[in-house]
Amino acid sequence: MEDKICLDTDILVNFLRNKKEEVDFFIAHESHNVFATTMINLFELYYGAYKSQQTQNILKLEELQHRLTILNLSRESTKIAGKTLVELQNKGENIDFRDLLIGSISKTEGYCLKTNNKKHFQKIPELSLK
């Protein structure tokens, strides 16, 4: 069975750093799943790559992009993000805007989100986490 999996920045950074858990996950799942990330994650990755001042980090990131579907903001995902933020604020809770957008995009596009930061994303109703 094929799953649609959106990979969060932390997962992608660990993969790029050749961390065993994430490399093993890619090897085990890439051939029979659709891997994606969002434009927000891509921004975070480019920020980190440029901040490192290591040309090879930018090159690795550009190579990795070809293996992923890149998901973008849509009217529906921004609507979900706005509604979710109001609901959270009404409960006295907060969420980072980037996480809110990443989760809303994943949810809208029907992807589960693979992240090591489940605590951040559990605040988004009906977002499937892996």
N, C-alpha and C. Protein backbone atom coordinates (compact mmCIF):
# COMPACT_ATOMS: atom_id res chain seq x y z
N MET A 1 0.84 -1.19 0.00
CA MET A 1 0.00 0.00 0.00
C MET A 1 0.88 1.25 0.00
N GLU A 2 0.55 2.19 -0.83
CA GLU A 2 1.32 3.42 -0.97
C GLU A 2 0.78 4.50 -0.04
N ASP A 3 1.68 5.09 0.73
CA ASP A 3 1.32 6.20 1.60
C ASP A 3 1.93 7.47 1.04
N LYS A 4 1.27 8.58 1.36
CA LYS A 4 1.82 9.89 1.02
C LYS A 4 2.38 10.47 2.30
N ILE A 5 3.70 10.69 2.30
CA ILE A 5 4.39 11.11 3.52
C ILE A 5 5.10 12.44 3.27
N CYS A 6 4.73 13.44 4.05
CA CYS A 6 5.40 14.73 4.02
C CYS A 6 6.49 14.71 5.08
N LEU A 7 7.70 15.00 4.68
CA LEU A 7 8.85 14.93 5.57
C LEU A 7 9.16 16.32 6.13
N ASP A 8 9.18 16.40 7.46
CA ASP A 8 9.47 17.65 8.13
C ASP A 8 10.96 17.96 8.05
N THR A 9 11.32 19.19 8.34
CA THR A 9 12.69 19.65 8.23
C THR A 9 13.65 18.81 9.06
N ASP A 10 13.26 18.46 10.28
CA ASP A 10 14.17 17.69 11.14
C ASP A 10 14.51 16.34 10.54
N ILE A 11 13.55 15.70 9.91
CA ILE A 11 13.78 14.41 9.26
C ILE A 11 14.74 14.59 8.09
N LEU A 12 14.51 15.60 7.29
CA LEU A 12 15.34 15.84 6.12
C LEU A 12 16.77 16.24 6.50
N VAL A 13 16.91 17.05 7.54
CA VAL A 13 18.25 17.43 8.01
C VAL A 13 19.00 16.18 8.47
N ASN A 14 18.35 15.34 9.24
CA ASN A 14 19.00 14.11 9.71
C ASN A 14 19.36 13.19 8.55
N PHE A 15 18.51 13.12 7.54
CA PHE A 15 18.82 12.33 6.35
C PHE A 15 20.05 12.90 5.65
N LEU A 16 20.07 14.21 5.46
CA LEU A 16 21.22 14.85 4.80
C LEU A 16 22.51 14.66 5.59
N ARG A 17 22.38 14.51 6.90
CA ARG A 17 23.55 14.27 7.76
C ARG A 17 23.88 12.78 7.89
N ASN A 18 23.18 11.95 7.11
CA ASN A 18 23.39 10.49 7.11
C ASN A 18 23.13 9.83 8.45
N LYS A 19 22.12 10.34 9.17
CA LYS A 19 21.73 9.70 10.44
C LYS A 19 21.06 8.37 10.12
N LYS A 20 21.47 7.33 10.81
CA LYS A 20 21.04 5.97 10.50
C LYS A 20 19.52 5.80 10.45
N GLU A 21 18.81 6.32 11.45
CA GLU A 21 17.36 6.12 11.51
C GLU A 21 16.66 6.68 10.27
N GLU A 22 17.03 7.90 9.87
CA GLU A 22 16.37 8.52 8.72
C GLU A 22 16.82 7.88 7.40
N VAL A 23 18.09 7.52 7.29
CA VAL A 23 18.56 6.83 6.08
C VAL A 23 17.85 5.50 5.92
N ASP A 24 17.73 4.75 7.02
CA ASP A 24 17.02 3.47 6.99
C ASP A 24 15.55 3.66 6.62
N PHE A 25 14.93 4.72 7.14
CA PHE A 25 13.54 5.00 6.81
C PHE A 25 13.39 5.25 5.30
N PHE A 26 14.27 6.06 4.73
CA PHE A 26 14.23 6.33 3.29
C PHE A 26 14.38 5.04 2.50
N ILE A 27 15.37 4.24 2.85
CA ILE A 27 15.62 2.99 2.12
C ILE A 27 14.41 2.07 2.19
N ALA A 28 13.80 1.98 3.36
CA ALA A 28 12.67 1.07 3.55
C ALA A 28 11.37 1.55 2.89
N HIS A 29 11.21 2.86 2.72
CA HIS A 29 9.91 3.38 2.30
C HIS A 29 9.87 4.11 0.96
N GLU A 30 11.00 4.55 0.46
CA GLU A 30 10.98 5.41 -0.72
C GLU A 30 10.40 4.73 -1.96
N SER A 31 10.64 3.45 -2.14
CA SER A 31 10.20 2.79 -3.37
C SER A 31 8.68 2.59 -3.44
N HIS A 32 8.00 2.55 -2.30
CA HIS A 32 6.56 2.28 -2.31
C HIS A 32 5.73 3.37 -1.62
N ASN A 33 6.30 4.55 -1.46
CA ASN A 33 5.58 5.69 -0.89
C ASN A 33 5.90 6.94 -1.69
N VAL A 34 5.03 7.91 -1.58
CA VAL A 34 5.29 9.22 -2.18
C VAL A 34 5.85 10.10 -1.08
N PHE A 35 7.08 10.55 -1.25
CA PHE A 35 7.71 11.46 -0.30
C PHE A 35 7.56 12.88 -0.79
N ALA A 36 7.24 13.77 0.14
CA ALA A 36 7.08 15.18 -0.19
C ALA A 36 7.64 16.01 0.96
N THR A 37 7.75 17.29 0.71
CA THR A 37 8.00 18.28 1.75
C THR A 37 7.30 19.54 1.29
N THR A 38 7.27 20.54 2.13
CA THR A 38 6.58 21.77 1.75
C THR A 38 7.59 22.87 1.40
N MET A 39 7.10 23.90 0.76
CA MET A 39 7.95 25.06 0.46
C MET A 39 8.48 25.68 1.75
N ILE A 40 7.72 25.58 2.83
CA ILE A 40 8.16 26.12 4.11
C ILE A 40 9.38 25.34 4.60
N ASN A 41 9.31 24.00 4.50
CA ASN A 41 10.46 23.18 4.89
C ASN A 41 11.66 23.49 4.00
N LEU A 42 11.40 23.66 2.72
CA LEU A 42 12.48 23.97 1.78
C LEU A 42 13.17 25.27 2.17
N PHE A 43 12.38 26.27 2.56
CA PHE A 43 12.94 27.52 3.05
C PHE A 43 13.85 27.26 4.25
N GLU A 44 13.35 26.47 5.22
CA GLU A 44 14.14 26.19 6.42
C GLU A 44 15.45 25.48 6.07
N LEU A 45 15.37 24.55 5.12
CA LEU A 45 16.57 23.82 4.71
C LEU A 45 17.58 24.73 4.01
N TYR A 46 17.09 25.59 3.10
CA TYR A 46 18.00 26.53 2.44
C TYR A 46 18.61 27.50 3.44
N TYR A 47 17.82 27.95 4.38
CA TYR A 47 18.34 28.85 5.42
C TYR A 47 19.51 28.19 6.13
N GLY A 48 19.31 26.95 6.57
CA GLY A 48 20.36 26.23 7.26
C GLY A 48 21.58 25.97 6.40
N ALA A 49 21.34 25.63 5.13
CA ALA A 49 22.45 25.34 4.22
C ALA A 49 23.29 26.59 3.98
N TYR A 50 22.63 27.71 3.74
CA TYR A 50 23.38 28.95 3.51
C TYR A 50 24.06 29.45 4.79
N LYS A 51 23.38 29.26 5.91
CA LYS A 51 23.96 29.68 7.18
C LYS A 51 25.24 28.89 7.50
N SER A 52 25.27 27.64 7.08
CA SER A 52 26.44 26.79 7.33
C SER A 52 27.66 27.23 6.50
N GLN A 53 27.43 27.98 5.46
CA GLN A 53 28.47 28.45 4.55
C GLN A 53 29.27 27.29 3.94
N GLN A 54 28.59 26.16 3.80
CA GLN A 54 29.20 24.97 3.20
C GLN A 54 28.52 24.69 1.86
N THR A 55 29.24 24.89 0.78
CA THR A 55 28.68 24.69 -0.56
C THR A 55 28.09 23.30 -0.72
N GLN A 56 28.73 22.28 -0.14
CA GLN A 56 28.22 20.92 -0.30
C GLN A 56 26.84 20.75 0.32
N ASN A 57 26.49 21.53 1.35
CA ASN A 57 25.16 21.44 1.94
C ASN A 57 24.09 21.93 0.97
N ILE A 58 24.38 22.96 0.23
CA ILE A 58 23.45 23.47 -0.78
C ILE A 58 23.32 22.45 -1.90
N LEU A 59 24.42 21.88 -2.34
CA LEU A 59 24.38 20.89 -3.41
C LEU A 59 23.60 19.64 -2.99
N LYS A 60 23.80 19.17 -1.76
CA LYS A 60 23.05 18.01 -1.25
C LYS A 60 21.56 18.30 -1.23
N LEU A 61 21.21 19.51 -0.79
CA LEU A 61 19.80 19.90 -0.73
C LEU A 61 19.19 19.94 -2.12
N GLU A 62 19.90 20.49 -3.07
CA GLU A 62 19.38 20.57 -4.44
C GLU A 62 19.21 19.18 -5.04
N GLU A 63 20.10 18.25 -4.71
CA GLU A 63 19.98 16.88 -5.17
C GLU A 63 18.77 16.19 -4.52
N LEU A 64 18.59 16.42 -3.23
CA LEU A 64 17.48 15.81 -2.49
C LEU A 64 16.12 16.25 -3.04
N GLN A 65 16.01 17.49 -3.45
CA GLN A 65 14.72 18.01 -3.94
C GLN A 65 14.16 17.18 -5.09
N HIS A 66 15.03 16.62 -5.91
CA HIS A 66 14.58 15.84 -7.06
C HIS A 66 13.92 14.52 -6.65
N ARG A 67 14.09 14.14 -5.41
CA ARG A 67 13.50 12.90 -4.90
C ARG A 67 12.16 13.15 -4.21
N LEU A 68 11.77 14.42 -4.11
CA LEU A 68 10.58 14.79 -3.34
C LEU A 68 9.57 15.55 -4.18
N THR A 69 8.30 15.39 -3.83
CA THR A 69 7.26 16.26 -4.33
C THR A 69 7.26 17.48 -3.42
N ILE A 70 7.20 18.67 -4.00
CA ILE A 70 7.21 19.89 -3.20
C ILE A 70 5.78 20.43 -3.13
N LEU A 71 5.25 20.52 -1.92
CA LEU A 71 3.88 20.98 -1.69
C LEU A 71 3.89 22.47 -1.38
N ASN A 72 2.92 23.18 -1.90
CA ASN A 72 2.86 24.62 -1.71
C ASN A 72 1.61 25.03 -0.96
N LEU A 73 1.60 26.26 -0.49
CA LEU A 73 0.39 26.83 0.11
C LEU A 73 -0.72 26.89 -0.92
N SER A 74 -1.93 26.70 -0.46
CA SER A 74 -3.10 26.83 -1.31
C SER A 74 -4.14 27.65 -0.54
N ARG A 75 -5.19 28.01 -1.21
CA ARG A 75 -6.27 28.73 -0.51
C ARG A 75 -6.81 27.89 0.64
N GLU A 76 -6.99 26.59 0.39
CA GLU A 76 -7.56 25.71 1.41
C GLU A 76 -6.61 25.56 2.60
N SER A 77 -5.30 25.41 2.33
CA SER A 77 -4.37 25.24 3.46
C SER A 77 -4.25 26.52 4.28
N THR A 78 -4.33 27.69 3.64
CA THR A 78 -4.28 28.93 4.41
C THR A 78 -5.56 29.12 5.21
N LYS A 79 -6.67 28.67 4.67
CA LYS A 79 -7.95 28.73 5.40
C LYS A 79 -7.89 27.85 6.64
N ILE A 80 -7.38 26.64 6.49
CA ILE A 80 -7.23 25.72 7.63
C ILE A 80 -6.28 26.30 8.66
N ALA A 81 -5.17 26.88 8.20
CA ALA A 81 -4.19 27.47 9.12
C ALA A 81 -4.81 28.62 9.91
N GLY A 82 -5.53 29.49 9.25
CA GLY A 82 -6.17 30.61 9.94
C GLY A 82 -7.17 30.15 10.98
N LYS A 83 -7.99 29.20 10.60
CA LYS A 83 -9.00 28.67 11.53
C LYS A 83 -8.33 27.98 12.72
N THR A 84 -7.31 27.19 12.45
CA THR A 84 -6.61 26.48 13.51
C THR A 84 -5.94 27.44 14.48
N LEU A 85 -5.33 28.51 13.96
CA LEU A 85 -4.65 29.47 14.82
C LEU A 85 -5.65 30.16 15.76
N VAL A 86 -6.81 30.54 15.25
CA VAL A 86 -7.83 31.16 16.10
C VAL A 86 -8.28 30.19 17.19
N GLU A 87 -8.52 28.93 16.80
CA GLU A 87 -8.96 27.93 17.78
C GLU A 87 -7.90 27.73 18.87
N LEU A 88 -6.64 27.69 18.48
CA LEU A 88 -5.57 27.52 19.46
C LEU A 88 -5.45 28.73 20.37
N GLN A 89 -5.51 29.91 19.79
CA GLN A 89 -5.42 31.13 20.59
C GLN A 89 -6.58 31.24 21.57
N ASN A 90 -7.77 30.81 21.15
CA ASN A 90 -8.93 30.84 22.04
C ASN A 90 -8.76 29.90 23.23
N LYS A 91 -7.92 28.87 23.07
CA LYS A 91 -7.64 27.94 24.16
C LYS A 91 -6.38 28.35 24.92
N GLY A 92 -5.80 29.48 24.54
CA GLY A 92 -4.59 29.96 25.21
C GLY A 92 -3.33 29.23 24.78
N GLU A 93 -3.39 28.57 23.64
CA GLU A 93 -2.24 27.83 23.12
C GLU A 93 -1.60 28.60 21.98
N ASN A 94 -0.36 28.23 21.68
CA ASN A 94 0.37 28.89 20.62
C ASN A 94 1.04 27.84 19.75
N ILE A 95 1.38 28.23 18.53
CA ILE A 95 2.09 27.35 17.61
C ILE A 95 2.94 28.23 16.70
N ASP A 96 4.13 27.76 16.38
CA ASP A 96 4.99 28.48 15.45
C ASP A 96 4.30 28.56 14.08
N PHE A 97 4.36 29.73 13.46
CA PHE A 97 3.70 29.91 12.17
C PHE A 97 4.18 28.92 11.12
N ARG A 98 5.49 28.65 11.11
CA ARG A 98 6.01 27.70 10.12
C ARG A 98 5.41 26.32 10.33
N ASP A 99 5.36 25.87 11.59
CA ASP A 99 4.77 24.56 11.89
C ASP A 99 3.29 24.53 11.51
N LEU A 100 2.59 25.61 11.81
CA LEU A 100 1.18 25.70 11.46
C LEU A 100 0.98 25.57 9.95
N LEU A 101 1.79 26.26 9.18
CA LEU A 101 1.67 26.19 7.72
C LEU A 101 2.08 24.82 7.19
N ILE A 102 3.16 24.25 7.69
CA ILE A 102 3.60 22.92 7.27
C ILE A 102 2.49 21.89 7.54
N GLY A 103 1.96 21.91 8.75
CA GLY A 103 0.89 20.97 9.11
C GLY A 103 -0.36 21.17 8.29
N SER A 104 -0.74 22.41 8.05
CA SER A 104 -1.95 22.70 7.28
C SER A 104 -1.80 22.28 5.82
N ILE A 105 -0.62 22.49 5.26
CA ILE A 105 -0.37 22.05 3.88
C ILE A 105 -0.45 20.53 3.80
N SER A 106 0.21 19.84 4.72
CA SER A 106 0.21 18.37 4.73
C SER A 106 -1.22 17.84 4.84
N LYS A 107 -1.96 18.39 5.76
CA LYS A 107 -3.34 17.97 5.99
C LYS A 107 -4.19 18.19 4.74
N THR A 108 -4.11 19.36 4.16
CA THR A 108 -4.90 19.71 2.98
C THR A 108 -4.59 18.78 1.81
N GLU A 109 -3.32 18.46 1.64
CA GLU A 109 -2.90 17.65 0.49
C GLU A 109 -3.04 16.14 0.73
N GLY A 110 -3.50 15.76 1.94
CA GLY A 110 -3.73 14.35 2.24
C GLY A 110 -2.47 13.56 2.56
N TYR A 111 -1.46 14.24 3.08
CA TYR A 111 -0.21 13.59 3.47
C TYR A 111 -0.16 13.44 4.98
N CYS A 112 0.42 12.33 5.45
CA CYS A 112 0.76 12.26 6.86
C CYS A 112 2.11 12.95 7.01
N LEU A 113 2.40 13.45 8.18
CA LEU A 113 3.62 14.20 8.41
C LEU A 113 4.58 13.36 9.24
N LYS A 114 5.77 13.12 8.70
CA LYS A 114 6.83 12.42 9.43
C LYS A 114 7.71 13.47 10.07
N THR A 115 7.72 13.49 11.40
CA THR A 115 8.46 14.48 12.16
C THR A 115 8.92 13.89 13.48
N ASN A 116 9.97 14.47 14.02
CA ASN A 116 10.39 14.12 15.38
C ASN A 116 9.82 15.13 16.38
N ASN A 117 9.10 16.11 15.90
CA ASN A 117 8.51 17.17 16.74
C ASN A 117 6.99 17.01 16.83
N LYS A 118 6.55 15.83 17.20
CA LYS A 118 5.11 15.56 17.24
C LYS A 118 4.37 16.52 18.16
N LYS A 119 5.01 16.93 19.24
CA LYS A 119 4.36 17.84 20.20
C LYS A 119 3.89 19.12 19.51
N HIS A 120 4.69 19.63 18.59
CA HIS A 120 4.33 20.86 17.88
C HIS A 120 3.11 20.65 16.99
N PHE A 121 3.07 19.52 16.32
CA PHE A 121 2.06 19.30 15.28
C PHE A 121 0.78 18.65 15.79
N GLN A 122 0.79 18.08 17.00
CA GLN A 122 -0.40 17.46 17.55
C GLN A 122 -1.51 18.48 17.79
N LYS A 123 -1.16 19.74 17.80
CA LYS A 123 -2.14 20.80 18.02
C LYS A 123 -3.04 21.02 16.80
N ILE A 124 -2.66 20.48 15.66
CA ILE A 124 -3.44 20.69 14.44
C ILE A 124 -4.42 19.52 14.31
N PRO A 125 -5.72 19.81 14.44
CA PRO A 125 -6.73 18.75 14.41
C PRO A 125 -6.69 17.95 13.10
N GLU A 126 -6.83 16.65 13.24
CA GLU A 126 -6.95 15.74 12.11
C GLU A 126 -5.72 15.67 11.23
N LEU A 127 -4.57 16.14 11.72
CA LEU A 127 -3.32 15.98 10.99
C LEU A 127 -2.75 14.63 11.37
N SER A 128 -2.52 13.79 10.39
CA SER A 128 -1.96 12.47 10.61
C SER A 128 -0.44 12.58 10.77
N LEU A 129 0.07 12.01 11.86
CA LEU A 129 1.51 12.05 12.13
C LEU A 129 2.11 10.65 12.04
N LYS A 130 3.32 10.59 11.57
CA LYS A 130 4.03 9.32 11.45
C LYS A 130 5.29 9.38 12.29
